[in-house]
């Protein structure tokens, strides 16, 4: 089963991650979260593994549009918000064998260890 990469095609970080996966010869399936938003259950599983803070796309318009109450939201509230607007999810998000293993793309060596 290939690695699943969740993101959006226009995301620069997703493009870098995809190019890196291809350079490494790692099979992947890209899932556009705009067209196919993950379910609340799936997001809850990801948050339980990675944490709601790590999954926040704090640079996007959707995040900036949230009110200041976001600073005090619970784990459950973040899951609900992510489920309503997938643009709040940090990209890319990597899933291996049905389990979230990483979010974002900064340390390719660390990611490579998780993918192999």
Protein backbone atom coordinates (compact mmCIF):
# COMPACT_ATOMS: atom_id res chain seq x y z
CA UNK A 1 0.00 0.00 0.00
CA UNK A 2 1.49 3.37 -0.96
CA UNK A 3 1.98 6.20 1.47
CA UNK A 4 -0.99 8.56 1.49
CA UNK A 5 -0.20 12.25 1.29
CA UNK A 6 -3.01 14.63 2.24
CA UNK A 7 -2.81 18.22 1.04
CA UNK A 8 -3.79 20.54 -1.79
CA UNK A 9 -2.14 20.65 -5.22
CA UNK A 10 -1.35 24.38 -5.06
CA UNK A 11 0.54 24.10 -1.74
CA UNK A 12 4.27 24.76 -2.20
CA UNK A 13 5.22 22.51 0.71
CA UNK A 14 3.10 19.68 -0.73
CA UNK A 15 4.86 20.12 -4.09
CA UNK A 16 8.27 19.88 -2.39
CA UNK A 17 7.22 16.78 -0.48
CA UNK A 18 5.87 15.09 -3.62
CA UNK A 19 9.07 15.89 -5.54
CA UNK A 20 11.11 14.46 -2.65
CA UNK A 21 8.99 11.27 -2.53
CA UNK A 22 9.46 10.83 -6.26
CA UNK A 23 13.23 11.40 -5.98
CA UNK A 24 13.35 8.76 -3.24
CA UNK A 25 11.31 6.31 -5.32
CA UNK A 26 8.64 6.12 -2.61
CA UNK A 27 5.18 5.20 -3.89
CA UNK A 28 2.43 7.54 -2.75
CA UNK A 29 -1.20 8.43 -3.29
CA UNK A 30 -2.01 12.14 -3.16
CA UNK A 31 -5.37 13.04 -1.63
CA UNK A 32 -6.64 16.56 -2.22
CA UNK A 33 -8.24 17.61 1.06
CA UNK A 34 -10.18 20.37 -0.67
CA UNK A 35 -11.95 17.88 -2.92
CA UNK A 36 -11.96 14.96 -0.47
CA UNK A 37 -11.93 16.32 3.08
CA UNK A 38 -11.09 13.70 5.71
CA UNK A 39 -13.86 12.55 8.02
CA UNK A 40 -14.16 13.68 11.61
CA UNK A 41 -13.21 10.16 12.73
CA UNK A 42 -10.08 10.17 10.59
CA UNK A 43 -9.09 13.62 11.85
CA UNK A 44 -9.63 12.49 15.45
CA UNK A 45 -7.29 9.54 14.85
CA UNK A 46 -4.65 11.88 13.37
CA UNK A 47 -4.98 14.34 16.26
CA UNK A 48 -4.63 11.52 18.78
CA UNK A 49 -1.31 10.54 17.17
CA UNK A 50 0.15 13.91 16.16
CA UNK A 51 -1.61 16.35 18.51
CA UNK A 52 -3.94 19.19 17.57
CA UNK A 53 -1.21 21.84 17.80
CA UNK A 54 1.09 20.11 15.30
CA UNK A 55 -1.79 19.86 12.84
CA UNK A 56 -2.66 23.58 12.80
CA UNK A 57 -2.09 25.42 9.55
CA UNK A 58 -1.42 28.75 11.26
CA UNK A 59 -0.34 30.51 8.07
CA UNK A 60 -3.62 30.14 6.21
CA UNK A 61 -6.58 32.48 5.86
CA UNK A 62 -8.91 30.02 7.55
CA UNK A 63 -6.79 30.08 10.71
CA UNK A 64 -6.51 33.87 10.75
CA UNK A 65 -10.30 34.11 10.35
CA UNK A 66 -10.89 32.20 13.59
CA UNK A 67 -11.72 34.32 16.63
CA UNK A 68 -9.39 34.65 19.61
CA UNK A 69 -11.30 31.95 21.47
CA UNK A 70 -9.19 29.47 19.49
CA UNK A 71 -6.43 30.00 22.07
CA UNK A 72 -8.51 28.18 24.69
CA UNK A 73 -10.11 25.48 22.53
CA UNK A 74 -9.97 21.90 23.71
CA UNK A 75 -8.69 18.89 21.84
CA UNK A 76 -12.29 18.04 20.86
CA UNK A 77 -13.04 21.58 19.66
CA UNK A 78 -10.00 21.49 17.37
CA UNK A 79 -11.13 18.17 15.89
CA UNK A 80 -14.57 19.67 15.17
CA UNK A 81 -13.07 22.75 13.52
CA UNK A 82 -10.65 20.68 11.42
CA UNK A 83 -13.56 18.50 10.29
CA UNK A 84 -15.52 21.60 9.19
CA UNK A 85 -12.61 23.22 7.32
CA UNK A 86 -9.79 21.01 6.02
CA UNK A 87 -7.84 24.17 5.10
CA UNK A 88 -7.04 24.45 8.82
CA UNK A 89 -4.97 21.25 8.60
CA UNK A 90 -1.23 21.66 8.18
CA UNK A 91 0.05 20.21 4.94
CA UNK A 92 1.18 17.74 3.85
CA UNK A 93 0.03 15.03 6.19
CA UNK A 94 1.56 11.58 5.70
CA UNK A 95 -0.28 8.35 6.44
CA UNK A 96 1.31 4.89 6.37
CA UNK A 97 -0.73 1.72 6.78
CA UNK A 98 -3.73 3.79 7.88
CA UNK A 99 -1.84 5.64 10.64
CA UNK A 100 -0.73 9.28 10.60
CA UNK A 101 3.06 9.41 10.86
CA UNK A 102 4.00 13.03 10.13
CA UNK A 103 2.65 16.44 9.25
CA UNK A 104 4.52 19.19 7.44
CA UNK A 105 7.71 18.77 5.46
CA UNK A 106 10.88 20.08 7.06
CA UNK A 107 13.13 17.20 8.01
CA UNK A 108 13.27 14.79 5.09
CA UNK A 109 15.67 12.40 6.86
CA UNK A 110 13.31 12.06 9.82
CA UNK A 111 10.40 11.51 7.43
CA UNK A 112 12.36 8.93 5.45
CA UNK A 113 12.92 6.88 8.60
CA UNK A 114 9.19 6.91 9.31
CA UNK A 115 8.28 5.95 5.74
CA UNK A 116 10.61 2.97 5.43
